[in-house]
Protein backbone atom coordinates (compact mmCIF):
# COMPACT_ATOMS: atom_id res chain seq x y z
CA MET A 1 -24.32 -6.96 -12.39
CA ASN A 2 -24.39 -4.68 -15.83
CA ARG A 3 -23.33 -6.30 -19.12
CA PHE A 4 -19.88 -5.83 -20.26
CA GLU A 5 -17.72 -6.12 -23.05
CA TYR A 6 -14.99 -8.70 -22.57
CA VAL A 7 -11.29 -8.07 -24.44
CA ARG A 8 -7.98 -9.75 -24.19
CA PRO A 9 -5.66 -8.06 -25.89
CA ARG A 10 -2.07 -10.13 -26.93
CA SER A 11 0.13 -7.26 -25.84
CA VAL A 12 0.64 -4.05 -23.84
CA ALA A 13 0.15 -1.46 -26.68
CA GLU A 14 -3.00 -3.52 -27.66
CA ALA A 15 -4.57 -3.46 -23.86
CA VAL A 16 -3.98 0.42 -23.75
CA ALA A 17 -5.54 1.08 -26.66
CA ALA A 18 -8.38 -1.35 -25.70
CA ALA A 19 -8.89 0.44 -22.29
CA ALA A 20 -8.71 4.31 -24.53
CA VAL A 21 -12.98 3.03 -24.54
CA PRO A 22 -14.55 5.05 -21.99
CA GLY A 23 -16.25 3.03 -18.83
CA SER A 24 -13.50 0.57 -19.91
CA ALA A 25 -11.54 -1.43 -16.59
CA TYR A 26 -8.22 -3.35 -16.28
CA LEU A 27 -8.82 -6.72 -15.20
CA ALA A 28 -6.05 -8.90 -13.46
CA ALA A 29 -7.14 -11.38 -10.53
CA GLY A 30 -9.96 -9.09 -9.82
CA THR A 31 -9.75 -9.83 -6.06
CA ASN A 32 -10.93 -6.40 -5.37
CA LEU A 33 -12.72 -5.73 -8.72
CA LEU A 34 -15.15 -8.58 -9.46
CA ASP A 35 -16.28 -8.16 -5.15
CA LEU A 36 -17.24 -4.23 -6.62
CA MET A 37 -18.90 -5.15 -9.72
CA LYS A 38 -21.26 -7.76 -7.72
CA ILE A 39 -22.51 -5.10 -5.15
CA GLY A 40 -22.70 -2.65 -7.94
CA VAL A 41 -20.40 -0.11 -7.00
CA ALA A 42 -17.98 -0.59 -10.21
CA ARG A 43 -19.94 -1.20 -13.80
CA PRO A 44 -17.56 -1.30 -16.44
CA ALA A 45 -18.41 -1.35 -19.72
CA ARG A 46 -15.69 -3.64 -21.06
CA LEU A 47 -13.11 -5.11 -18.92
CA VAL A 48 -9.55 -5.49 -20.50
CA ASP A 49 -8.12 -8.57 -19.41
CA LEU A 50 -4.47 -8.35 -18.72
CA ASN A 51 -3.81 -12.23 -17.31
CA HIS A 52 -2.29 -13.06 -20.58
CA LEU A 53 0.06 -10.46 -21.63
CA PRO A 54 4.01 -11.35 -21.71
CA GLY A 55 6.78 -10.03 -19.56
CA LEU A 56 4.50 -8.58 -16.94
CA ASP A 57 4.62 -11.40 -14.14
CA GLY A 58 8.09 -12.04 -13.03
CA ILE A 59 10.75 -9.98 -11.04
CA GLU A 60 14.27 -8.86 -12.19
CA HIS A 61 17.36 -8.42 -9.65
CA LEU A 62 18.93 -5.39 -10.99
CA PRO A 63 22.73 -5.14 -11.01
CA ASP A 64 22.69 -1.98 -8.73
CA GLY A 65 20.71 -3.78 -5.90
CA GLY A 66 17.26 -2.85 -6.60
CA ALA A 67 14.22 -4.70 -8.45
CA GLN A 68 11.96 -4.43 -11.05
CA ILE A 69 8.75 -6.38 -10.29
CA GLY A 70 6.11 -6.77 -13.38
CA ALA A 71 2.70 -5.66 -12.39
CA ARG A 72 1.22 -9.01 -13.11
CA MET A 73 3.08 -10.64 -10.16
CA ARG A 74 1.25 -12.77 -8.13
CA ASN A 75 1.95 -11.20 -4.16
CA ALA A 76 2.73 -14.83 -2.64
CA ASP A 77 5.24 -15.33 -5.40
CA LEU A 78 6.89 -11.85 -4.78
CA ALA A 79 7.04 -12.50 -0.72
CA TYR A 80 8.23 -16.07 -1.24
CA ASP A 81 11.25 -15.06 -3.62
CA PRO A 82 14.34 -15.77 -1.57
CA ALA A 83 16.46 -12.76 -3.08
CA PHE A 84 13.51 -10.26 -2.59
CA ARG A 85 13.09 -11.22 0.57
CA ARG A 86 16.69 -11.08 1.81
CA ARG A 87 16.68 -7.35 -0.23
CA PHE A 88 13.37 -5.79 1.35
CA PRO A 89 12.21 -8.09 4.32
CA ALA A 90 9.93 -5.31 5.32
CA VAL A 91 7.96 -5.69 1.87
CA ALA A 92 8.25 -9.37 2.28
CA GLU A 93 6.48 -8.79 5.60
CA ALA A 94 3.87 -6.60 4.46
CA LEU A 95 2.74 -9.08 1.89
CA LEU A 96 2.61 -12.10 4.01
CA SER A 97 0.52 -9.98 6.86
CA GLY A 98 -2.39 -9.09 3.89
CA ALA A 99 -5.26 -10.93 3.18
CA SER A 100 -5.73 -14.97 3.23
CA ALA A 101 -2.66 -16.92 1.68
CA GLN A 102 -5.79 -17.96 -1.18
CA LEU A 103 -5.83 -14.08 -1.94
CA ARG A 104 -2.33 -13.67 -2.08
CA ASN A 105 -1.73 -17.01 -4.33
CA ALA A 106 -4.05 -14.69 -6.95
CA ALA A 107 -3.87 -11.22 -6.41
CA THR A 108 -1.35 -9.22 -8.30
CA VAL A 109 1.40 -6.48 -7.55
CA GLY A 110 -0.51 -3.68 -9.67
CA GLY A 111 -3.70 -4.53 -8.20
CA ASN A 112 -2.64 -4.10 -4.80
CA LEU A 113 -1.33 -0.61 -5.43
CA LEU A 114 -5.05 0.31 -7.53
CA GLN A 115 -7.38 -1.56 -4.47
CA ARG A 116 -9.99 0.87 -3.64
CA THR A 117 -11.24 2.06 -0.02
CA ARG A 118 -12.76 -0.42 2.19
CA CYS A 119 -15.39 2.23 3.79
CA ALA A 120 -18.69 0.65 4.37
CA TYR A 121 -20.06 3.77 3.21
CA PHE A 122 -18.27 3.50 -0.09
CA GLN A 123 -19.14 -0.29 -0.66
CA ASP A 124 -22.99 0.29 -0.12
CA THR A 125 -24.93 1.95 -2.98
CA ALA A 126 -27.77 3.17 -0.61
CA SER A 127 -25.28 5.36 0.83
CA ALA A 128 -23.75 9.17 0.38
CA CYS A 129 -20.36 8.51 -1.20
CA ASN A 130 -18.42 11.56 -2.82
CA LYS A 131 -15.53 9.18 -4.34
CA ARG A 132 -18.29 6.54 -5.50
CA ARG A 133 -21.20 9.66 -6.77
CA PRO A 134 -19.07 13.19 -6.73
CA GLY A 135 -21.30 15.51 -5.18
CA SER A 136 -23.67 13.10 -3.37
CA GLY A 137 -22.11 13.81 -0.03
CA CYS A 138 -20.10 11.79 2.65
CA ASP A 139 -22.23 9.53 5.23
CA ALA A 140 -19.28 8.67 6.95
CA ARG A 141 -19.01 11.89 7.93
CA GLY A 142 -21.69 11.27 10.75
CA GLY A 143 -21.40 7.65 10.56
CA GLU A 144 -19.61 4.69 11.90
CA ASN A 145 -16.12 6.10 11.41
CA ARG A 146 -13.58 4.67 13.95
CA LEU A 147 -11.12 3.19 11.56
CA HIS A 148 -11.28 6.45 9.20
CA ALA A 149 -8.62 8.77 8.59
CA VAL A 150 -6.72 11.25 10.46
CA LEU A 151 -4.56 12.49 7.98
CA GLY A 152 -4.95 14.33 4.96
CA TRP A 153 -8.88 13.91 4.84
CA SER A 154 -11.33 16.63 3.60
CA GLU A 155 -14.97 17.60 4.16
CA SER A 156 -15.43 15.43 0.93
CA CYS A 157 -14.13 12.20 2.21
CA ILE A 158 -12.19 10.49 4.90
CA ALA A 159 -12.00 6.83 3.63
CA THR A 160 -8.27 5.36 4.23
CA HIS A 161 -6.01 3.24 1.73
CA PRO A 162 -6.21 -0.37 2.61
CA SER A 163 -3.16 -1.76 1.33
CA ASP A 164 -0.49 -3.29 3.30
CA PHE A 165 2.15 -3.76 0.60
CA CYS A 166 2.22 -0.28 -0.23
CA VAL A 167 3.43 1.26 3.07
CA PRO A 168 6.77 -0.39 3.06
CA LEU A 169 7.30 0.68 -0.50
CA VAL A 170 6.57 4.05 0.01
CA ALA A 171 8.88 4.44 2.75
CA LEU A 172 11.61 2.62 0.50
CA GLY A 173 11.23 5.10 -2.34
CA ALA A 174 9.09 2.76 -4.95
CA VAL A 175 8.37 3.97 -8.29
CA VAL A 176 5.66 2.98 -10.58
CA GLU A 177 6.31 2.27 -14.00
CA ILE A 178 3.08 3.25 -16.38
CA GLU A 179 2.13 2.93 -20.13
CA GLY A 180 -0.77 4.88 -21.78
CA PRO A 181 -1.62 6.62 -24.98
CA ALA A 182 1.09 9.38 -24.50
CA GLY A 183 3.88 6.69 -23.85
CA ARG A 184 5.83 5.71 -20.98
CA ARG A 185 5.75 7.90 -17.66
CA GLU A 186 7.38 6.91 -14.42
CA VAL A 187 6.17 8.40 -11.01
CA PRO A 188 7.31 7.84 -7.42
CA LEU A 189 5.11 5.79 -5.58
CA ARG A 190 4.94 8.65 -2.86
CA ASP A 191 2.75 10.65 -5.29
CA PHE A 192 0.84 8.04 -7.12
CA HIS A 193 -2.22 8.02 -5.00
CA LEU A 194 -4.18 11.40 -4.26
CA LEU A 195 -5.41 13.08 -1.18
CA PRO A 196 -9.35 13.67 -1.07
CA GLY A 197 -9.48 16.92 -1.36
CA ALA A 198 -12.56 18.11 -2.95
CA THR A 199 -12.36 15.50 -5.56
CA PRO A 200 -12.24 12.05 -3.86
CA GLU A 201 -13.19 10.10 -7.17
CA ARG A 202 -9.89 10.62 -8.43
CA GLU A 203 -7.32 7.95 -6.32
CA SER A 204 -4.24 8.12 -8.21
CA VAL A 205 -2.65 10.12 -11.17
CA LEU A 206 -3.31 7.44 -13.61
CA ALA A 207 -5.38 9.17 -16.54
CA PRO A 208 -7.63 7.43 -18.93
CA GLY A 209 -6.27 4.08 -20.17
CA GLU A 210 -2.76 4.26 -18.43
CA LEU A 211 -1.94 0.91 -17.05
CA VAL A 212 0.64 -0.20 -14.35
CA VAL A 213 2.97 -1.99 -16.26
CA ALA A 214 6.08 -2.53 -13.75
CA LEU A 215 7.21 -1.16 -9.94
CA ARG A 216 10.32 -0.39 -8.89
CA LEU A 217 12.74 -0.45 -6.00
CA PRO A 218 15.88 1.40 -6.09
CA ALA A 219 19.19 0.14 -5.16
CA GLU A 220 19.13 2.23 -2.02
CA ALA A 221 15.88 0.61 -0.93
CA ALA A 222 18.24 -2.73 0.11
CA GLY A 223 21.02 -0.85 2.01
CA PHE A 224 18.00 -1.24 4.96
CA ALA A 225 17.92 -4.92 4.80
CA ALA A 226 19.23 -5.29 7.92
CA HIS A 227 16.99 -3.02 10.12
CA ALA A 228 13.52 -3.31 8.40
CA ARG A 229 10.12 -4.34 9.84
CA TYR A 230 6.22 -4.01 9.45
CA VAL A 231 4.02 -3.63 11.67
CA LYS A 232 0.39 -3.99 11.84
CA LEU A 233 -2.44 -3.50 14.10
CA ARG A 234 -5.58 -5.24 12.90
CA GLU A 235 -8.96 -5.95 14.92
CA ARG A 236 -8.37 -9.51 14.59
CA THR A 237 -5.26 -11.69 14.66
CA SER A 238 -5.38 -12.51 10.78
CA TYR A 239 -7.18 -12.11 7.69
CA ALA A 240 -7.76 -8.18 8.60
CA PHE A 241 -7.53 -4.93 7.31
CA ALA A 242 -5.21 -2.60 9.50
CA VAL A 243 -6.58 -0.63 11.87
CA VAL A 244 -2.85 1.29 11.81
CA SER A 245 0.10 0.03 10.80
CA ALA A 246 3.86 1.38 10.10
CA ALA A 247 7.13 0.96 8.32
CA ALA A 248 10.17 1.01 9.54
CA CYS A 249 13.92 1.17 8.31
CA LEU A 250 16.73 2.26 9.38
CA ARG A 251 20.72 2.06 8.91
CA LEU A 252 22.58 2.17 11.70
CA GLU A 253 26.23 2.77 12.21
CA GLU A 254 28.51 3.08 15.47
CA GLY A 255 25.35 2.93 17.53
CA ARG A 256 23.90 6.13 15.64
CA ILE A 257 21.22 6.24 13.09
CA VAL A 258 22.78 7.22 10.07
CA ALA A 259 19.32 7.08 7.57
CA SER A 260 15.89 6.48 8.36
CA ARG A 261 12.29 5.87 6.55
CA LEU A 262 9.08 5.79 8.02
CA ALA A 263 5.79 5.14 6.85
CA LEU A 264 2.13 4.73 8.16
CA GLY A 265 -0.72 2.72 6.98
CA GLY A 266 -4.11 2.87 7.87
CA VAL A 267 -4.08 6.67 8.63
CA ALA A 268 -4.83 8.36 5.50
CA ALA A 269 -5.90 8.01 1.69
CA LYS A 270 -2.80 6.88 0.80
CA PRO A 271 0.32 5.51 2.41
CA TRP A 272 1.91 8.10 4.74
CA ARG A 273 5.41 8.75 4.38
CA ALA A 274 6.76 10.46 7.70
CA GLU A 275 9.62 12.03 6.05
CA ALA A 276 10.04 15.30 9.21
CA ALA A 277 10.02 12.44 11.24
CA GLU A 278 12.76 10.45 9.50
CA ALA A 279 14.75 13.82 9.43
CA ALA A 280 14.47 14.16 12.87
CA LEU A 281 16.11 10.78 13.63
CA ALA A 282 19.16 11.63 11.42
CA GLY A 283 21.87 10.84 13.84
CA ALA A 284 20.10 10.50 16.75
CA THR A 285 20.54 6.85 19.01
CA PRO A 286 18.30 4.07 18.14
CA ASP A 287 16.38 4.01 21.29
CA ALA A 288 12.59 4.59 22.87
CA ALA A 289 12.74 7.99 23.53
CA SER A 290 14.29 9.18 20.04
CA PHE A 291 11.72 7.05 18.30
CA ARG A 292 8.87 8.38 20.54
CA ARG A 293 9.90 11.71 19.56
CA ALA A 294 9.84 11.03 16.01
CA ALA A 295 6.28 9.73 16.19
CA GLU A 296 5.17 13.14 18.09
CA ILE A 297 6.46 14.40 14.61
CA ALA A 298 4.95 12.15 12.58
CA LEU A 299 1.45 12.57 13.75
CA ALA A 300 1.85 15.98 14.77
CA GLU A 301 -0.69 17.09 12.03
CA ALA A 302 -3.33 14.25 12.68
CA ARG A 303 -6.68 15.19 14.04
CA PRO A 304 -9.84 12.87 14.09
CA SER A 305 -12.65 13.00 11.45
CA GLY A 306 -15.16 11.42 13.74
CA ASP A 307 -15.16 9.13 16.43
CA ASN A 308 -11.70 8.10 15.65
CA ALA A 309 -9.12 10.21 17.92
CA PHE A 310 -7.68 7.13 19.35
CA LYS A 311 -6.25 6.08 16.18
CA ILE A 312 -3.52 8.80 16.52
CA GLU A 313 -2.03 7.79 19.65
CA LEU A 314 -2.68 4.28 18.17
CA ALA A 315 -0.25 5.36 15.21
CA ARG A 316 2.21 6.67 17.36
CA ARG A 317 2.47 3.46 19.19
CA ILE A 318 3.02 1.30 16.25
CA ALA A 319 5.24 3.52 15.02
CA VAL A 320 7.31 3.12 18.18
CA ARG A 321 7.03 -0.31 18.13
CA ALA A 322 7.97 -0.65 14.51
CA LEU A 323 11.10 1.59 14.61
CA LEU A 324 12.52 -0.66 17.88
CA LEU A 325 11.85 -3.86 15.90
CA ALA A 326 13.81 -2.33 13.03
CA ALA A 327 16.75 -0.88 15.83
CA ALA A 328 16.64 -4.53 16.94
CA GLY A 329 17.44 -5.98 13.67
CA THR A 330 15.37 -8.02 10.59
CA PRO A 331 15.09 -11.35 12.13
CA ASP A 332 16.56 -14.46 10.28
CA ARG A 333 13.45 -16.06 10.79
CA LEU A 334 9.80 -14.42 9.91
CA PRO A 335 6.90 -14.54 12.87
CA ALA A 336 4.55 -17.32 12.05
CA LEU A 337 1.88 -14.18 12.03
CA PRO A 338 3.96 -11.71 9.85
CA ALA A 339 4.11 -7.99 10.84
CA SER A 340 1.38 -8.59 13.99
CA PRO A 341 3.02 -6.87 17.04
CA PHE A 342 2.00 -9.35 19.54
CA ALA A 343 3.71 -12.49 17.27
CA SER A 344 7.26 -14.22 18.24
CA VAL A 345 9.57 -14.90 16.17
CA PRO A 346 9.62 -18.74 14.99
CA GLY A 347 8.72 -19.02 11.02
CA GLY A 348 10.78 -19.09 8.24
CA PHE A 349 11.88 -15.64 6.65
CA HIS A 350 14.99 -15.68 4.45
CA GLY A 351 14.41 -19.21 3.24
C-alpha cells in the first residue's frame, strides 16, 4: 500500500474542497475501498474521511410519500427502518440479501452505489484490465468469464456491477443528489453508472471532487409497495454476489397490470432497467405467459461475452420468478433468506 494523506473535513464544502486535489478518494465505511487499497488496485494519494460530516446519515420520509436517504446511512439501518420497509419493500429485501450482517452494519448507501466490480482480472494487478489501466487490454475476454456481462458490454470491458441495492433503486426511479466544486446537481440513477464503451475506467458520471450526498426515492415508487420483490440467484446460499438478479414491481387494478417496473442485476456494468419489457406489460394479465414475454423482451439484446450464454436464459427465468412473486403480493414477513429463489416466507418483514 502506498503512503497517503488523511484529511477529516468538518462539512460537505470542506470535503469537496479537500477532494479537489488530484489523486483524492472519499472514505466512508471503506468496505470496498480499503480492500482495493490492500491489493494495490486503488492507490489514492489522499483520503477524505466523510464519517464525521453532519446531516448525511439519516432518512427523511417526505410528505408526498417519497424518501430522501443520506449517503452515510448504513445499509442495515435503512433496511430495518420500519417506514422505509413498508414503502419500499423490494429495496429492503435487496439490502438484506447483500454481503454479511457485519458488512451491512458498516457499509453505506453512497458507498454501495460506488462499489467497484468484482471481476477477478480487475482485482489482479498482474492481469491486463482496461478499467484499472486504460489501454492495457482485457484478460477477461479470453479468460474465466462465465459470470461476466451479457448486456451493454464492449470489447474493452465485460465486467458487471455488483450491487444488489441498486437494482430495485433503478427500477423505482431513484435520483442521486451530488455536491461538487460546481455546486449541487441531481442525476437519475439509471443515468448515473456508465457502460464501458471505449472508456471503461470511467464508471459513473461523477466529475473529480464530486460527492454523493443523498439518494431520493420518488413518491411514485411507494405506489408499488403491495407488489414488489427482489430475487437473487447466487452460487452459494448467502454472502455471495448475484450471478443474476431481478427487481419486479407491479400495480394491479381489476386483474390487470396498470404499471410495472423491472430491472436486472449481474448482467451489465450498471443495473439494467428493462423499460421495453415494462411497456409490454401495460394492460396485461399478471400471469406466467405475460411475464415470459416480458422477460424475452428484457433480454432481447443480450449476447454472450464469453463462456456465459447460460446467463441469458438464467436472467429470463429470474425475471419471470420475480414478476410472479411480485404478482402474488409483497409478503407480510420476509423470508429467512431474503431474495433467495429457494426461500420460504417465514421471517420478519414489516416489523
